[in-house]
Amino acid sequence: MYKPDFENLKNVLLCREKKFVPLIEIHIDEGFKEKYFSRKLSGLEDEIRFSLENCHDFILAAKGILKPAKTIGKDTEKDGVTWADEEEGLIKTVKDFENYEWMEPDKEDYSVFKDAAKLMPEGMKIIATAGKIFTASWMLMGFNNFCVSTIENPQLVKKVFAKVGEIQFEVFKKIIEFKTVGAFAAVDDIAYTEGLMISAQVLRENLFPWYKKMGKICNEKGIPFIYHSDGKLWEIIEDLAGCGFNAVHPIEPKAMSIEEVNKKYRNKFCLLGNIEMDLLIRGNPSDIETLVIKNLKNIALRGFYACGSSNTITSSMPLENVKAMIQTVQKYGRYPISL
């Protein structure tokens, strides 16, 4: 059984020192875990076992105003999955805002962060995933309505951002006090492969101030602060550094060259992920081994890197492909790397 070493992962995330290249994911579909075990998971014990058998130094636990990749209120069905409605959300007016039943952080269930202390083996911690300030804001308003409102009704946009930010920040403050939490990941997609989803100025005025407050607390506690967004982030990458993020996930291959990011920011950011999802789905173990070795040579040797998918481990990925990624890191990822 894999012996977790979260201290190594922490040092890599903080760009301090590195014994071996860690593996990291910010989200793993339940369907993949069920395929792995050939059954449904039965609780925290299974989550820990899955992490150990896949050489992770952590388990993931998500909290906040909405769960990963799901919706608030109004939704649509696509391929059997519920997604946020892109046209009109629940909040179109100030009256809608005032009548909306907002989540109360004090009434959330945080027991997983406490219970994990009794079950996790020595050397394992939780990576808490939350954030979603931009995502929750546009989902509440509907993406088209949200974008139009940034021009036609900016005060409503500001009110929604402020309320969502306040709630997510309160959740963050509660999570970060648990001793089981070793790192915090703000998961908040803001970009497409071609560029930002909305104006950088809107993000600078409404989003990044909240992450700067979180980053300050993480820095004071010595807790790695991770940012996840797909897409092309060049326009705001300095803003991420200013917020105090230590690591960026997943450096989407179609949007950004990980070699270029590493060349410019190897002293500021640990780079996470980047193993192409399409390859993990359609490729073969040999192709995956080749790509992982390329990242070990070009990124891990010349900077700080934790290997993983370019977004999420999904149920459509063959087990042997994910295992090929893990086994390659385990075989070649110990420093000094010699390939």
C-alpha atoms as a PDB file:
ATOM      1  CA  MET A   1       0.000   0.000   0.000  1.00  0.00           C
ATOM      2  CA  TYR A   2       1.238   3.470  -0.903  1.00  0.00           C
ATOM      3  CA  LYS A   3       2.649   5.451   2.021  1.00  0.00           C
ATOM      4  CA  PRO A   4       1.368   9.028   1.706  1.00  0.00           C
ATOM      5  CA  ASP A   5       3.776  11.928   2.080  1.00  0.00           C
ATOM      6  CA  PHE A   6       1.739  15.113   2.114  1.00  0.00           C
ATOM      7  CA  GLU A   7       4.755  17.033   3.398  1.00  0.00           C
ATOM      8  CA  ASN A   8       6.482  16.434   0.053  1.00  0.00           C
ATOM      9  CA  LEU A   9       3.353  17.525  -1.837  1.00  0.00           C
ATOM     10  CA  LYS A  10       3.128  20.642   0.330  1.00  0.00           C
ATOM     11  CA  ASN A  11       6.755  21.559  -0.308  1.00  0.00           C
ATOM     12  CA  VAL A  12       6.301  21.069  -4.053  1.00  0.00           C
ATOM     13  CA  LEU A  13       3.123  23.185  -4.089  1.00  0.00           C
ATOM     14  CA  LEU A  14       4.931  25.943  -2.196  1.00  0.00           C
ATOM     15  CA  CYS A  15       7.921  25.737  -4.589  1.00  0.00           C
ATOM     16  CA  ARG A  16      10.279  25.000  -1.686  1.00  0.00           C
ATOM     17  CA  GLU A  17      11.842  21.592  -2.212  1.00  0.00           C
ATOM     18  CA  LYS A  18      11.083  18.296  -3.922  1.00  0.00           C
ATOM     19  CA  LYS A  19      11.848  14.662  -3.155  1.00  0.00           C
ATOM     20  CA  PHE A  20       9.585  13.158  -5.796  1.00  0.00           C
ATOM     21  CA  VAL A  21       6.934  14.280  -8.265  1.00  0.00           C
ATOM     22  CA  PRO A  22       3.528  13.984  -6.598  1.00  0.00           C
ATOM     23  CA  LEU A  23       0.275  13.076  -8.297  1.00  0.00           C
ATOM     24  CA  ILE A  24      -2.642  15.442  -7.964  1.00  0.00           C
ATOM     25  CA  GLU A  25      -6.255  15.761  -9.100  1.00  0.00           C
ATOM     26  CA  ILE A  26      -8.742  18.453  -8.131  1.00  0.00           C
ATOM     27  CA  HIS A  27     -11.799  16.385  -9.057  1.00  0.00           C
ATOM     28  CA  ILE A  28     -12.386  12.690  -9.772  1.00  0.00           C
ATOM     29  CA  ASP A  29     -15.775  11.586 -11.084  1.00  0.00           C
ATOM     30  CA  GLU A  30     -17.680   9.196  -8.860  1.00  0.00           C
ATOM     31  CA  GLY A  31     -18.262   7.047 -11.936  1.00  0.00           C
ATOM     32  CA  PHE A  32     -14.535   6.416 -12.291  1.00  0.00           C
ATOM     33  CA  LYS A  33     -14.235   5.421  -8.630  1.00  0.00           C
ATOM     34  CA  GLU A  34     -17.183   3.067  -9.008  1.00  0.00           C
ATOM     35  CA  LYS A  35     -15.580   1.537 -12.092  1.00  0.00           C
ATOM     36  CA  TYR A  36     -12.337   1.145 -10.153  1.00  0.00           C
ATOM     37  CA  PHE A  37     -14.036  -0.710  -7.281  1.00  0.00           C
ATOM     38  CA  SER A  38     -16.738  -2.361  -9.448  1.00  0.00           C
ATOM     39  CA  ARG A  39     -19.286  -1.010  -6.975  1.00  0.00           C
ATOM     40  CA  LYS A  40     -20.548   2.184  -5.407  1.00  0.00           C
ATOM     41  CA  LEU A  41     -18.376   3.778  -2.748  1.00  0.00           C
ATOM     42  CA  SER A  42     -19.601   3.269   0.797  1.00  0.00           C
ATOM     43  CA  GLY A  43     -18.086   6.228   2.609  1.00  0.00           C
ATOM     44  CA  LEU A  44     -14.943   7.983   3.738  1.00  0.00           C
ATOM     45  CA  GLU A  45     -13.054   4.721   4.180  1.00  0.00           C
ATOM     46  CA  ASP A  46     -13.469   3.975   0.462  1.00  0.00           C
ATOM     47  CA  GLU A  47     -12.324   7.491  -0.460  1.00  0.00           C
ATOM     48  CA  ILE A  48      -9.161   6.986   1.551  1.00  0.00           C
ATOM     49  CA  ARG A  49      -8.560   3.543   0.109  1.00  0.00           C
ATOM     50  CA  PHE A  50      -9.026   4.864  -3.429  1.00  0.00           C
ATOM     51  CA  SER A  51      -6.496   7.642  -2.775  1.00  0.00           C
ATOM     52  CA  LEU A  52      -3.931   5.248  -1.342  1.00  0.00           C
ATOM     53  CA  GLU A  53      -4.277   2.749  -4.172  1.00  0.00           C
ATOM     54  CA  ASN A  54      -3.841   5.590  -6.685  1.00  0.00           C
ATOM     55  CA  CYS A  55      -0.774   7.029  -4.927  1.00  0.00           C
ATOM     56  CA  HIS A  56      -2.396  10.246  -3.719  1.00  0.00           C
ATOM     57  CA  ASP A  57      -1.166  11.961  -0.564  1.00  0.00           C
ATOM     58  CA  PHE A  58      -4.608  13.436   0.062  1.00  0.00           C
ATOM     59  CA  ILE A  59      -8.330  13.015  -0.195  1.00  0.00           C
ATOM     60  CA  LEU A  60     -10.588  15.676  -1.699  1.00  0.00           C
ATOM     61  CA  ALA A  61     -13.467  17.319   0.132  1.00  0.00           C
ATOM     62  CA  ALA A  62     -15.660  20.030  -1.411  1.00  0.00           C
ATOM     63  CA  LYS A  63     -17.807  22.613   0.363  1.00  0.00           C
ATOM     64  CA  GLY A  64     -19.506  25.870  -0.471  1.00  0.00           C
ATOM     65  CA  ILE A  65     -22.428  27.366  -2.292  1.00  0.00           C
ATOM     66  CA  LEU A  66     -22.545  24.605  -4.913  1.00  0.00           C
ATOM     67  CA  LYS A  67     -20.922  21.292  -5.629  1.00  0.00           C
ATOM     68  CA  PRO A  68     -18.434  20.850  -8.486  1.00  0.00           C
ATOM     69  CA  ALA A  69     -19.938  20.952 -11.982  1.00  0.00           C
ATOM     70  CA  LYS A  70     -23.520  21.067 -10.723  1.00  0.00           C
ATOM     71  CA  THR A  71     -26.099  23.797 -10.772  1.00  0.00           C
ATOM     72  CA  ILE A  72     -28.038  26.173  -8.548  1.00  0.00           C
ATOM     73  CA  GLY A  73     -31.782  26.255  -9.018  1.00  0.00           C
ATOM     74  CA  LYS A  74     -32.802  26.432 -12.658  1.00  0.00           C
ATOM     75  CA  ASP A  75     -31.153  23.766 -14.789  1.00  0.00           C
ATOM     76  CA  THR A  76     -31.239  21.848 -18.037  1.00  0.00           C
ATOM     77  CA  GLU A  77     -30.662  18.205 -18.932  1.00  0.00           C
ATOM     78  CA  LYS A  78     -27.910  17.233 -21.368  1.00  0.00           C
ATOM     79  CA  ASP A  79     -26.749  13.678 -21.907  1.00  0.00           C
ATOM     80  CA  GLY A  80     -28.355  12.675 -18.621  1.00  0.00           C
ATOM     81  CA  VAL A  81     -26.415  15.283 -16.623  1.00  0.00           C
ATOM     82  CA  THR A  82     -27.884  18.359 -14.937  1.00  0.00           C
ATOM     83  CA  TRP A  83     -26.176  21.627 -15.876  1.00  0.00           C
ATOM     84  CA  ALA A  84     -26.791  25.291 -15.145  1.00  0.00           C
ATOM     85  CA  ASP A  85     -29.156  27.053 -17.535  1.00  0.00           C
ATOM     86  CA  GLU A  86     -27.116  29.402 -19.732  1.00  0.00           C
ATOM     87  CA  GLU A  87     -29.896  31.776 -20.737  1.00  0.00           C
ATOM     88  CA  GLU A  88     -31.736  33.015 -17.646  1.00  0.00           C
ATOM     89  CA  GLY A  89     -30.935  32.121 -14.079  1.00  0.00           C
ATOM     90  CA  LEU A  90     -32.897  32.752 -10.929  1.00  0.00           C
ATOM     91  CA  ILE A  91     -31.654  36.303 -10.347  1.00  0.00           C
ATOM     92  CA  LYS A  92     -32.590  38.883 -12.979  1.00  0.00           C
ATOM     93  CA  THR A  93     -33.533  41.807 -10.741  1.00  0.00           C
ATOM     94  CA  VAL A  94     -32.675  43.265  -7.342  1.00  0.00           C
ATOM     95  CA  LYS A  95     -35.983  41.867  -6.077  1.00  0.00           C
ATOM     96  CA  ASP A  96     -34.918  38.373  -7.214  1.00  0.00           C
ATOM     97  CA  PHE A  97     -31.646  38.897  -5.355  1.00  0.00           C
ATOM     98  CA  GLU A  98     -33.428  39.901  -2.150  1.00  0.00           C
ATOM     99  CA  ASN A  99     -35.899  37.003  -2.337  1.00  0.00           C
ATOM    100  CA  TYR A 100     -33.313  34.322  -3.093  1.00  0.00           C
ATOM    101  CA  GLU A 101     -32.795  31.793  -0.291  1.00  0.00           C
ATOM    102  CA  TRP A 102     -29.060  32.088   0.285  1.00  0.00           C
ATOM    103  CA  MET A 103     -26.969  29.323   1.765  1.00  0.00           C
ATOM    104  CA  GLU A 104     -25.984  29.822   5.411  1.00  0.00           C
ATOM    105  CA  PRO A 105     -22.370  28.791   6.099  1.00  0.00           C
ATOM    106  CA  ASP A 106     -23.074  28.170   9.799  1.00  0.00           C
ATOM    107  CA  LYS A 107     -25.621  25.494   8.904  1.00  0.00           C
ATOM    108  CA  GLU A 108     -23.357  23.533   6.546  1.00  0.00           C
ATOM    109  CA  ASP A 109     -22.124  20.067   7.495  1.00  0.00           C
ATOM    110  CA  TYR A 110     -18.342  20.121   7.950  1.00  0.00           C
ATOM    111  CA  SER A 111     -18.103  16.727   9.639  1.00  0.00           C
ATOM    112  CA  VAL A 112     -15.950  15.179   6.883  1.00  0.00           C
ATOM    113  CA  PHE A 113     -13.061  17.427   7.908  1.00  0.00           C
ATOM    114  CA  LYS A 114     -13.330  16.196  11.484  1.00  0.00           C
ATOM    115  CA  ASP A 115     -14.084  12.533  10.791  1.00  0.00           C
ATOM    116  CA  ALA A 116     -11.128  12.196   8.424  1.00  0.00           C
ATOM    117  CA  ALA A 117      -8.724  12.689  11.339  1.00  0.00           C
ATOM    118  CA  LYS A 118      -9.718   9.308  12.738  1.00  0.00           C
ATOM    119  CA  LEU A 119      -9.435   7.452   9.437  1.00  0.00           C
ATOM    120  CA  MET A 120      -6.611   8.932   7.383  1.00  0.00           C
ATOM    121  CA  PRO A 121      -3.225   7.252   7.774  1.00  0.00           C
ATOM    122  CA  GLU A 122      -0.186   9.192   8.915  1.00  0.00           C
ATOM    123  CA  GLY A 123       1.125  11.449   6.165  1.00  0.00           C
ATOM    124  CA  MET A 124      -2.250  12.078   4.496  1.00  0.00           C
ATOM    125  CA  LYS A 125      -4.212  15.350   4.491  1.00  0.00           C
ATOM    126  CA  ILE A 126      -7.298  16.843   2.837  1.00  0.00           C
ATOM    127  CA  ILE A 127      -7.188  19.147  -0.158  1.00  0.00           C
ATOM    128  CA  ALA A 128     -10.319  21.207   0.394  1.00  0.00           C
ATOM    129  CA  THR A 129     -11.961  22.424  -2.803  1.00  0.00           C
ATOM    130  CA  ALA A 130     -14.312  25.393  -2.774  1.00  0.00           C
ATOM    131  CA  GLY A 131     -14.248  28.917  -4.196  1.00  0.00           C
ATOM    132  CA  LYS A 132     -16.535  29.047  -7.255  1.00  0.00           C
ATOM    133  CA  ILE A 133     -17.307  32.721  -6.726  1.00  0.00           C
ATOM    134  CA  PHE A 134     -17.453  33.613 -10.421  1.00  0.00           C
ATOM    135  CA  THR A 135     -19.073  30.291 -11.348  1.00  0.00           C
ATOM    136  CA  ALA A 136     -21.803  30.522  -8.728  1.00  0.00           C
ATOM    137  CA  SER A 137     -22.487  34.162  -9.645  1.00  0.00           C
ATOM    138  CA  TRP A 138     -23.056  33.509 -13.333  1.00  0.00           C
ATOM    139  CA  MET A 139     -25.024  30.333 -12.625  1.00  0.00           C
ATOM    140  CA  LEU A 140     -27.394  32.248 -10.408  1.00  0.00           C
ATOM    141  CA  MET A 141     -27.965  34.852 -13.117  1.00  0.00           C
ATOM    142  CA  GLY A 142     -27.679  32.608 -16.198  1.00  0.00           C
ATOM    143  CA  PHE A 143     -24.562  33.126 -18.288  1.00  0.00           C
ATOM    144  CA  ASN A 144     -26.095  35.214 -21.088  1.00  0.00           C
ATOM    145  CA  ASN A 145     -28.014  37.374 -18.631  1.00  0.00           C
ATOM    146  CA  PHE A 146     -24.905  37.714 -16.454  1.00  0.00           C
ATOM    147  CA  CYS A 147     -22.739  38.899 -19.357  1.00  0.00           C
ATOM    148  CA  VAL A 148     -25.301  41.422 -20.574  1.00  0.00           C
ATOM    149  CA  SER A 149     -25.788  42.657 -17.010  1.00  0.00           C
ATOM    150  CA  THR A 150     -22.071  43.470 -16.628  1.00  0.00           C
ATOM    151  CA  ILE A 151     -22.850  46.321 -19.095  1.00  0.00           C
ATOM    152  CA  GLU A 152     -26.528  47.070 -18.562  1.00  0.00           C
ATOM    153  CA  ASN A 153     -26.922  46.340 -14.839  1.00  0.00           C
ATOM    154  CA  PRO A 154     -23.432  46.304 -13.278  1.00  0.00           C
ATOM    155  CA  GLN A 155     -24.725  47.085  -9.791  1.00  0.00           C
ATOM    156  CA  LEU A 156     -26.736  43.861  -9.723  1.00  0.00           C
ATOM    157  CA  VAL A 157     -23.666  41.936 -10.858  1.00  0.00           C
ATOM    158  CA  LYS A 158     -21.669  43.552  -8.052  1.00  0.00           C
ATOM    159  CA  LYS A 159     -24.356  42.635  -5.498  1.00  0.00           C
ATOM    160  CA  VAL A 160     -24.376  38.993  -6.593  1.00  0.00           C
ATOM    161  CA  PHE A 161     -20.573  38.776  -6.628  1.00  0.00           C
ATOM    162  CA  ALA A 162     -20.402  40.361  -3.165  1.00  0.00           C
ATOM    163  CA  LYS A 163     -22.995  38.028  -1.653  1.00  0.00           C
ATOM    164  CA  VAL A 164     -21.518  34.889  -3.195  1.00  0.00           C
ATOM    165  CA  GLY A 165     -18.014  35.990  -2.234  1.00  0.00           C
ATOM    166  CA  GLU A 166     -19.093  36.634   1.347  1.00  0.00           C
ATOM    167  CA  ILE A 167     -20.628  33.151   1.654  1.00  0.00           C
ATOM    168  CA  GLN A 168     -17.689  31.362   0.046  1.00  0.00           C
ATOM    169  CA  PHE A 169     -15.232  33.287   2.205  1.00  0.00           C
ATOM    170  CA  GLU A 170     -17.095  32.305   5.372  1.00  0.00           C
ATOM    171  CA  VAL A 171     -17.042  28.657   4.278  1.00  0.00           C
ATOM    172  CA  PHE A 172     -13.317  28.973   3.553  1.00  0.00           C
ATOM    173  CA  LYS A 173     -12.629  30.419   7.014  1.00  0.00           C
ATOM    174  CA  LYS A 174     -14.361  27.482   8.673  1.00  0.00           C
ATOM    175  CA  ILE A 175     -12.636  24.853   6.514  1.00  0.00           C
ATOM    176  CA  ILE A 176      -9.157  26.262   6.908  1.00  0.00           C
ATOM    177  CA  GLU A 177      -9.258  25.859  10.715  1.00  0.00           C
ATOM    178  CA  PHE A 178      -9.429  22.054  10.540  1.00  0.00           C
ATOM    179  CA  LYS A 179      -6.056  20.437  11.164  1.00  0.00           C
ATOM    180  CA  THR A 180      -6.874  17.780   8.584  1.00  0.00           C
ATOM    181  CA  VAL A 181      -6.799  20.385   5.799  1.00  0.00           C
ATOM    182  CA  GLY A 182      -3.373  20.545   4.183  1.00  0.00           C
ATOM    183  CA  ALA A 183      -4.147  22.675   1.120  1.00  0.00           C
ATOM    184  CA  PHE A 184      -7.005  24.736  -0.278  1.00  0.00           C
ATOM    185  CA  ALA A 185      -8.047  24.791  -3.942  1.00  0.00           C
ATOM    186  CA  ALA A 186     -10.216  27.578  -5.339  1.00  0.00           C
ATOM    187  CA  VAL A 187     -12.025  25.933  -8.241  1.00  0.00           C
ATOM    188  CA  ASP A 188     -13.458  28.644 -10.472  1.00  0.00           C
ATOM    189  CA  ASP A 189     -13.353  28.414 -14.281  1.00  0.00           C
ATOM    190  CA  ILE A 190     -12.944  31.866 -15.821  1.00  0.00           C
ATOM    191  CA  ALA A 191     -11.576  31.135 -19.307  1.00  0.00           C
ATOM    192  CA  TYR A 192     -12.058  29.346 -22.609  1.00  0.00           C
ATOM    193  CA  THR A 193      -9.175  27.996 -24.690  1.00  0.00           C
ATOM    194  CA  GLU A 194      -9.162  31.327 -26.563  1.00  0.00           C
ATOM    195  CA  GLY A 195      -9.271  33.697 -23.586  1.00  0.00           C
ATOM    196  CA  LEU A 196     -11.240  34.939 -20.598  1.00  0.00           C
ATOM    197  CA  MET A 197     -14.990  34.375 -20.383  1.00  0.00           C
ATOM    198  CA  ILE A 198     -15.572  37.992 -19.331  1.00  0.00           C
ATOM    199  CA  SER A 199     -13.589  41.203 -18.999  1.00  0.00           C
ATOM    200  CA  ALA A 200     -10.485  41.014 -16.844  1.00  0.00           C
ATOM    201  CA  GLN A 201     -11.592  44.261 -15.232  1.00  0.00           C
ATOM    202  CA  VAL A 202     -14.810  42.657 -13.965  1.00  0.00           C
ATOM    203  CA  LEU A 203     -12.725  39.901 -12.375  1.00  0.00           C
ATOM    204  CA  ARG A 204     -10.279  42.394 -10.857  1.00  0.00           C
ATOM    205  CA  GLU A 205     -13.083  44.406  -9.309  1.00  0.00           C
ATOM    206  CA  ASN A 206     -15.327  41.584  -8.085  1.00  0.00           C
ATOM    207  CA  LEU A 207     -13.484  38.262  -7.887  1.00  0.00           C
ATOM    208  CA  PHE A 208      -9.787  38.621  -7.120  1.00  0.00           C
ATOM    209  CA  PRO A 209     -10.260  40.725  -3.946  1.00  0.00           C
ATOM    210  CA  TRP A 210     -11.949  37.694  -2.333  1.00  0.00           C
ATOM    211  CA  TYR A 211      -9.143  35.367  -3.373  1.00  0.00           C
ATOM    212  CA  LYS A 212      -6.581  37.853  -2.112  1.00  0.00           C
ATOM    213  CA  LYS A 213      -8.237  37.667   1.331  1.00  0.00           C
ATOM    214  CA  MET A 214      -8.132  33.865   1.202  1.00  0.00           C
ATOM    215  CA  GLY A 215      -4.545  33.911   0.013  1.00  0.00           C
ATOM    216  CA  LYS A 216      -3.463  36.106   2.897  1.00  0.00           C
ATOM    217  CA  ILE A 217      -4.870  33.624   5.417  1.00  0.00           C
ATOM    218  CA  CYS A 218      -3.355  30.621   3.616  1.00  0.00           C
ATOM    219  CA  ASN A 219       0.023  32.351   3.549  1.00  0.00           C
ATOM    220  CA  GLU A 220      -0.142  33.139   7.250  1.00  0.00           C
ATOM    221  CA  LYS A 221      -0.944  29.506   8.017  1.00  0.00           C
ATOM    222  CA  GLY A 222       1.622  28.080   5.588  1.00  0.00           C
ATOM    223  CA  ILE A 223      -1.136  26.279   3.656  1.00  0.00           C
ATOM    224  CA  PRO A 224      -0.728  25.889  -0.133  1.00  0.00           C
ATOM    225  CA  PHE A 225      -3.291  27.898  -2.104  1.00  0.00           C
ATOM    226  CA  ILE A 226      -4.215  26.324  -5.461  1.00  0.00           C
ATOM    227  CA  TYR A 227      -6.142  27.898  -8.315  1.00  0.00           C
ATOM    228  CA  HIS A 228      -8.071  25.856 -10.875  1.00  0.00           C
ATOM    229  CA  SER A 229      -9.363  27.211 -14.134  1.00  0.00           C
ATOM    230  CA  ASP A 230      -9.377  25.730 -17.589  1.00  0.00           C
ATOM    231  CA  GLY A 231      -8.470  27.900 -20.514  1.00  0.00           C
ATOM    232  CA  LYS A 232      -6.067  30.663 -21.466  1.00  0.00           C
ATOM    233  CA  LEU A 233      -5.050  32.612 -18.366  1.00  0.00           C
ATOM    234  CA  TRP A 234      -2.195  34.792 -19.634  1.00  0.00           C
ATOM    235  CA  GLU A 235      -4.167  38.023 -19.237  1.00  0.00           C
ATOM    236  CA  ILE A 236      -4.677  37.560 -15.496  1.00  0.00           C
ATOM    237  CA  ILE A 237      -1.804  35.298 -14.476  1.00  0.00           C
ATOM    238  CA  GLU A 238      -0.081  38.146 -12.631  1.00  0.00           C
ATOM    239  CA  ASP A 239      -3.354  38.738 -10.768  1.00  0.00           C
ATOM    240  CA  LEU A 240      -3.246  35.124  -9.591  1.00  0.00           C
ATOM    241  CA  ALA A 241       0.243  35.702  -8.215  1.00  0.00           C
ATOM    242  CA  GLY A 242      -1.022  38.859  -6.519  1.00  0.00           C
ATOM    243  CA  CYS A 243      -3.802  36.863  -4.850  1.00  0.00           C
ATOM    244  CA  GLY A 244      -1.210  34.613  -3.250  1.00  0.00           C
ATOM    245  CA  PHE A 245      -1.825  31.446  -5.266  1.00  0.00           C
ATOM    246  CA  ASN A 246       1.093  29.025  -5.054  1.00  0.00           C
ATOM    247  CA  ALA A 247      -0.017  26.585  -7.739  1.00  0.00           C
ATOM    248  CA  VAL A 248      -2.102  26.642 -10.926  1.00  0.00           C
ATOM    249  CA  HIS A 249      -4.175  23.742 -12.272  1.00  0.00           C
ATOM    250  CA  PRO A 250      -4.512  22.279 -14.900  1.00  0.00           C
ATOM    251  CA  ILE A 251      -2.540  24.251 -17.557  1.00  0.00           C
ATOM    252  CA  GLU A 252      -4.937  23.116 -20.299  1.00  0.00           C
ATOM    253  CA  PRO A 253      -2.756  21.976 -23.239  1.00  0.00           C
ATOM    254  CA  LYS A 254      -5.030  23.425 -25.937  1.00  0.00           C
ATOM    255  CA  ALA A 255      -4.955  26.831 -24.255  1.00  0.00           C
ATOM    256  CA  MET A 256      -1.465  27.300 -22.821  1.00  0.00           C
ATOM    257  CA  SER A 257       1.977  25.804 -23.350  1.00  0.00           C
ATOM    258  CA  ILE A 258       3.139  24.383 -20.032  1.00  0.00           C
ATOM    259  CA  GLU A 259       6.737  24.859 -21.159  1.00  0.00           C
ATOM    260  CA  GLU A 260       6.102  28.579 -21.699  1.00  0.00           C
ATOM    261  CA  VAL A 261       4.321  28.968 -18.362  1.00  0.00           C
ATOM    262  CA  ASN A 262       7.140  27.153 -16.595  1.00  0.00           C
ATOM    263  CA  LYS A 263       9.784  29.272 -18.307  1.00  0.00           C
ATOM    264  CA  LYS A 264       8.133  32.526 -17.178  1.00  0.00           C
ATOM    265  CA  TYR A 265       6.748  31.530 -13.780  1.00  0.00           C
ATOM    266  CA  ARG A 266       8.790  28.591 -12.441  1.00  0.00           C
ATOM    267  CA  ASN A 267       9.763  30.645  -9.381  1.00  0.00           C
ATOM    268  CA  LYS A 268       6.184  31.783  -8.692  1.00  0.00           C
ATOM    269  CA  PHE A 269       3.947  28.799  -9.406  1.00  0.00           C
ATOM    270  CA  CYS A 270       3.952  25.062  -9.058  1.00  0.00           C
ATOM    271  CA  LEU A 271       2.264  23.718 -12.200  1.00  0.00           C
ATOM    272  CA  LEU A 272      -0.320  20.958 -11.853  1.00  0.00           C
ATOM    273  CA  GLY A 273      -1.962  18.465 -14.202  1.00  0.00           C
ATOM    274  CA  ASN A 274      -1.585  18.984 -17.975  1.00  0.00           C
ATOM    275  CA  ILE A 275      -1.858  15.310 -19.058  1.00  0.00           C
ATOM    276  CA  GLU A 276      -4.355  15.630 -21.893  1.00  0.00           C
ATOM    277  CA  MET A 277      -7.796  14.258 -21.063  1.00  0.00           C
ATOM    278  CA  ASP A 278      -8.453  13.196 -24.645  1.00  0.00           C
ATOM    279  CA  LEU A 279      -5.281  11.098 -24.562  1.00  0.00           C
ATOM    280  CA  LEU A 280      -6.321   9.551 -21.250  1.00  0.00           C
ATOM    281  CA  ILE A 281      -9.659   8.635 -22.834  1.00  0.00           C
ATOM    282  CA  ARG A 282      -8.673   7.586 -26.357  1.00  0.00           C
ATOM    283  CA  GLY A 283      -4.944   6.891 -26.137  1.00  0.00           C
ATOM    284  CA  ASN A 284      -3.018   3.879 -24.970  1.00  0.00           C
ATOM    285  CA  PRO A 285      -0.684   3.369 -21.990  1.00  0.00           C
ATOM    286  CA  SER A 286       2.420   3.797 -24.143  1.00  0.00           C
ATOM    287  CA  ASP A 287       1.278   7.210 -25.433  1.00  0.00           C
ATOM    288  CA  ILE A 288       0.490   8.320 -21.900  1.00  0.00           C
ATOM    289  CA  GLU A 289       3.854   7.169 -20.591  1.00  0.00           C
ATOM    290  CA  THR A 290       5.577   9.190 -23.326  1.00  0.00           C
ATOM    291  CA  LEU A 291       3.672  12.374 -22.432  1.00  0.00           C
ATOM    292  CA  VAL A 292       4.262  11.977 -18.700  1.00  0.00           C
ATOM    293  CA  ILE A 293       7.992  11.454 -19.270  1.00  0.00           C
ATOM    294  CA  LYS A 294       8.045  14.602 -21.433  1.00  0.00           C
ATOM    295  CA  ASN A 295       6.587  16.630 -18.556  1.00  0.00           C
ATOM    296  CA  LEU A 296       8.988  15.078 -16.066  1.00  0.00           C
ATOM    297  CA  LYS A 297      11.912  16.077 -18.290  1.00  0.00           C
ATOM    298  CA  ASN A 298      10.723  19.535 -19.303  1.00  0.00           C
ATOM    299  CA  ILE A 299       8.786  20.728 -16.252  1.00  0.00           C
ATOM    300  CA  ALA A 300       9.628  18.735 -13.129  1.00  0.00           C
ATOM    301  CA  LEU A 301      13.373  18.983 -13.742  1.00  0.00           C
ATOM    302  CA  ARG A 302      13.262  22.729 -14.378  1.00  0.00           C
ATOM    303  CA  GLY A 303      10.572  23.807 -11.964  1.00  0.00           C
ATOM    304  CA  PHE A 304       7.932  22.507  -9.566  1.00  0.00           C
ATOM    305  CA  TYR A 305       5.353  20.093 -10.942  1.00  0.00           C
ATOM    306  CA  ALA A 306       2.647  17.693  -9.758  1.00  0.00           C
ATOM    307  CA  CYS A 307       1.295  15.332 -12.411  1.00  0.00           C
ATOM    308  CA  GLY A 308      -2.354  14.713 -13.198  1.00  0.00           C
ATOM    309  CA  SER A 309      -5.071  15.041 -15.815  1.00  0.00           C
ATOM    310  CA  SER A 310      -5.655  18.261 -17.738  1.00  0.00           C
ATOM    311  CA  ASN A 311      -8.970  18.679 -15.921  1.00  0.00           C
ATOM    312  CA  THR A 312     -10.667  15.715 -14.265  1.00  0.00           C
ATOM    313  CA  ILE A 313     -10.451  11.950 -14.022  1.00  0.00           C
ATOM    314  CA  THR A 314     -13.674  10.879 -15.738  1.00  0.00           C
ATOM    315  CA  SER A 315     -15.626   7.638 -15.948  1.00  0.00           C
ATOM    316  CA  SER A 316     -14.838   7.431 -19.678  1.00  0.00           C
ATOM    317  CA  MET A 317     -11.113   6.931 -18.995  1.00  0.00           C
ATOM    318  CA  PRO A 318      -9.919   3.322 -19.160  1.00  0.00           C
ATOM    319  CA  LEU A 319      -8.411   2.168 -15.881  1.00  0.00           C
ATOM    320  CA  GLU A 320      -5.217   1.057 -17.619  1.00  0.00           C
ATOM    321  CA  ASN A 321      -4.636   4.561 -19.003  1.00  0.00           C
ATOM    322  CA  VAL A 322      -4.945   6.251 -15.624  1.00  0.00           C
ATOM    323  CA  LYS A 323      -2.747   3.549 -14.119  1.00  0.00           C
ATOM    324  CA  ALA A 324      -0.144   4.200 -16.830  1.00  0.00           C
ATOM    325  CA  MET A 325       0.046   7.853 -15.765  1.00  0.00           C
ATOM    326  CA  ILE A 326       0.403   6.900 -12.101  1.00  0.00           C
ATOM    327  CA  GLN A 327       2.945   4.134 -12.685  1.00  0.00           C
ATOM    328  CA  THR A 328       5.125   6.324 -14.905  1.00  0.00           C
ATOM    329  CA  VAL A 329       5.318   9.007 -12.228  1.00  0.00           C
ATOM    330  CA  GLN A 330       6.108   6.399  -9.599  1.00  0.00           C
ATOM    331  CA  LYS A 331       8.808   4.825 -11.764  1.00  0.00           C
ATOM    332  CA  TYR A 332      10.598   7.946 -13.012  1.00  0.00           C
ATOM    333  CA  GLY A 333       9.516  10.796 -10.759  1.00  0.00           C
ATOM    334  CA  ARG A 334      11.977  10.598  -7.874  1.00  0.00           C
ATOM    335  CA  TYR A 335      14.647  13.310  -7.699  1.00  0.00           C
ATOM    336  CA  PRO A 336      17.235  13.533  -9.054  1.00  0.00           C
ATOM    337  CA  ILE A 337      15.206  12.651 -12.131  1.00  0.00           C
ATOM    338  CA  SER A 338      17.318  10.839 -14.699  1.00  0.00           C
ATOM    339  CA  LEU A 339      15.624  10.177 -18.018  1.00  0.00           C
END
